[in-house]
């Protein structure tokens, strides 16, 4: 059985203001896989994640980013979020009177987990 990747990045090149940030990036993440991207400061980790999310001023100059089989390069940030793509801070800011469990319920993470959604990381 041929399973299509959840995330497929192919020969990605990214620039900001004409300055090359990333080039030749390839990454395939299958459903239910967990990947860790790590490296020294300035190696492009945050640039890659922000590019996947579609944040300005990151501009894809070549290559493709496919999510669940479809190119997302033409999608807005909110369209990408509706498909299940998002950012999480390593050290999230505290929001007064909002617990993590309340946030999870508000985002319906418990429902997604019980439905077996392949778009959420599992422990």
Protein backbone atom coordinates (compact mmCIF):
# COMPACT_ATOMS: atom_id res chain seq x y z
CA UNK A 1 0.00 0.00 0.00
CA UNK A 2 1.44 3.35 -1.06
CA UNK A 3 0.87 5.99 1.64
CA UNK A 4 1.13 9.62 0.54
CA UNK A 5 3.37 11.77 2.75
CA UNK A 6 1.73 14.16 5.17
CA UNK A 7 4.45 16.74 4.46
CA UNK A 8 6.68 16.63 1.38
CA UNK A 9 9.25 19.36 0.79
CA UNK A 10 11.15 19.11 -2.46
CA UNK A 11 14.24 21.12 -3.48
CA UNK A 12 13.05 24.17 -1.55
CA UNK A 13 14.85 27.51 -1.93
CA UNK A 14 13.82 30.54 0.13
CA UNK A 15 14.87 34.19 0.09
CA UNK A 16 14.22 37.33 2.11
CA UNK A 17 14.85 40.66 0.41
CA UNK A 18 16.93 38.94 -2.27
CA UNK A 19 19.14 37.19 0.30
CA UNK A 20 19.20 33.39 0.07
CA UNK A 21 18.24 31.68 3.34
CA UNK A 22 17.55 28.10 2.35
CA UNK A 23 18.40 26.06 -0.73
CA UNK A 24 18.06 22.44 -1.76
CA UNK A 25 15.87 21.47 1.21
CA UNK A 26 14.18 18.06 0.96
CA UNK A 27 12.04 16.55 3.71
CA UNK A 28 9.39 13.83 3.76
CA UNK A 29 7.19 13.23 6.81
CA UNK A 30 4.80 10.29 6.67
CA UNK A 31 1.52 10.24 8.62
CA UNK A 32 2.03 9.48 12.33
CA UNK A 33 5.79 10.18 12.16
CA UNK A 34 7.46 12.68 14.46
CA UNK A 35 10.53 14.54 13.23
CA UNK A 36 12.87 16.84 15.10
CA UNK A 37 14.75 19.61 13.32
CA UNK A 38 17.74 20.81 15.27
CA UNK A 39 21.03 22.54 14.62
CA UNK A 40 23.12 25.53 15.57
CA UNK A 41 21.74 29.06 15.66
CA UNK A 42 21.44 30.51 12.18
CA UNK A 43 21.23 27.14 10.41
CA UNK A 44 17.71 27.76 9.05
CA UNK A 45 15.43 25.83 11.41
CA UNK A 46 13.09 28.72 12.14
CA UNK A 47 13.26 29.92 8.53
CA UNK A 48 12.06 26.51 7.34
CA UNK A 49 9.18 26.36 9.81
CA UNK A 50 8.09 29.94 9.06
CA UNK A 51 8.26 29.21 5.33
CA UNK A 52 6.04 26.14 5.74
CA UNK A 53 3.55 28.34 7.62
CA UNK A 54 3.69 30.98 4.85
CA UNK A 55 4.86 33.86 7.02
CA UNK A 56 6.16 37.01 5.36
CA UNK A 57 8.80 38.01 4.35
CA UNK A 58 9.90 34.43 3.54
CA UNK A 59 9.58 33.90 -0.22
CA UNK A 60 9.83 30.51 -1.90
CA UNK A 61 11.84 30.97 -5.10
CA UNK A 62 11.92 27.32 -6.18
CA UNK A 63 10.79 23.90 -5.09
CA UNK A 64 7.50 22.90 -3.51
CA UNK A 65 5.86 22.25 -0.15
CA UNK A 66 3.05 19.68 -0.29
CA UNK A 67 0.78 18.91 2.64
CA UNK A 68 -1.41 15.83 2.38
CA UNK A 69 -0.57 15.60 -1.33
CA UNK A 70 -1.40 19.20 -2.29
CA UNK A 71 0.95 22.11 -2.85
CA UNK A 72 0.38 24.76 -0.19
CA UNK A 73 2.53 27.48 -1.77
CA UNK A 74 -0.51 29.40 -3.00
CA UNK A 75 -2.38 29.17 0.31
CA UNK A 76 -2.68 31.98 2.83
CA UNK A 77 -1.54 31.53 6.43
CA UNK A 78 -5.10 30.99 7.67
CA UNK A 79 -5.81 28.44 4.91
CA UNK A 80 -2.70 26.52 5.96
CA UNK A 81 -3.82 26.66 9.61
CA UNK A 82 -7.26 25.31 8.70
CA UNK A 83 -5.55 22.32 7.10
CA UNK A 84 -3.75 21.58 10.37
CA UNK A 85 -0.41 23.35 9.94
CA UNK A 86 0.70 25.53 12.84
CA UNK A 87 3.53 26.90 14.90
CA UNK A 88 4.21 26.29 18.56
CA UNK A 89 6.68 28.27 20.59
CA UNK A 90 9.50 26.48 22.39
CA UNK A 91 8.85 28.74 25.36
CA UNK A 92 5.25 29.87 24.92
CA UNK A 93 4.22 33.17 26.46
CA UNK A 94 1.95 32.88 29.48
CA UNK A 95 -1.63 34.01 29.02
CA UNK A 96 -3.29 34.97 32.27
CA UNK A 97 -6.24 32.74 33.25
CA UNK A 98 -5.74 30.32 30.32
CA UNK A 99 -4.53 26.84 31.21
CA UNK A 100 -3.00 24.44 28.70
CA UNK A 101 -5.91 22.03 29.18
CA UNK A 102 -8.42 24.82 28.44
CA UNK A 103 -6.44 25.78 25.35
CA UNK A 104 -6.38 22.14 24.20
CA UNK A 105 -10.14 21.87 24.66
CA UNK A 106 -10.65 25.15 22.81
CA UNK A 107 -8.58 23.83 19.91
CA UNK A 108 -10.45 20.52 20.11
CA UNK A 109 -7.20 18.59 20.44
CA UNK A 110 -8.86 15.90 22.56
CA UNK A 111 -11.47 15.30 19.85
CA UNK A 112 -8.78 15.09 17.16
CA UNK A 113 -6.79 12.60 19.21
CA UNK A 114 -9.80 10.38 19.87
CA UNK A 115 -10.74 10.48 16.17
CA UNK A 116 -7.25 9.30 15.22
CA UNK A 117 -6.39 12.33 13.11
CA UNK A 118 -3.02 11.80 11.37
CA UNK A 119 -2.37 15.55 11.57
CA UNK A 120 -1.52 15.59 15.28
CA UNK A 121 1.63 14.35 16.98
CA UNK A 122 1.19 11.49 19.38
CA UNK A 123 3.39 10.63 22.38
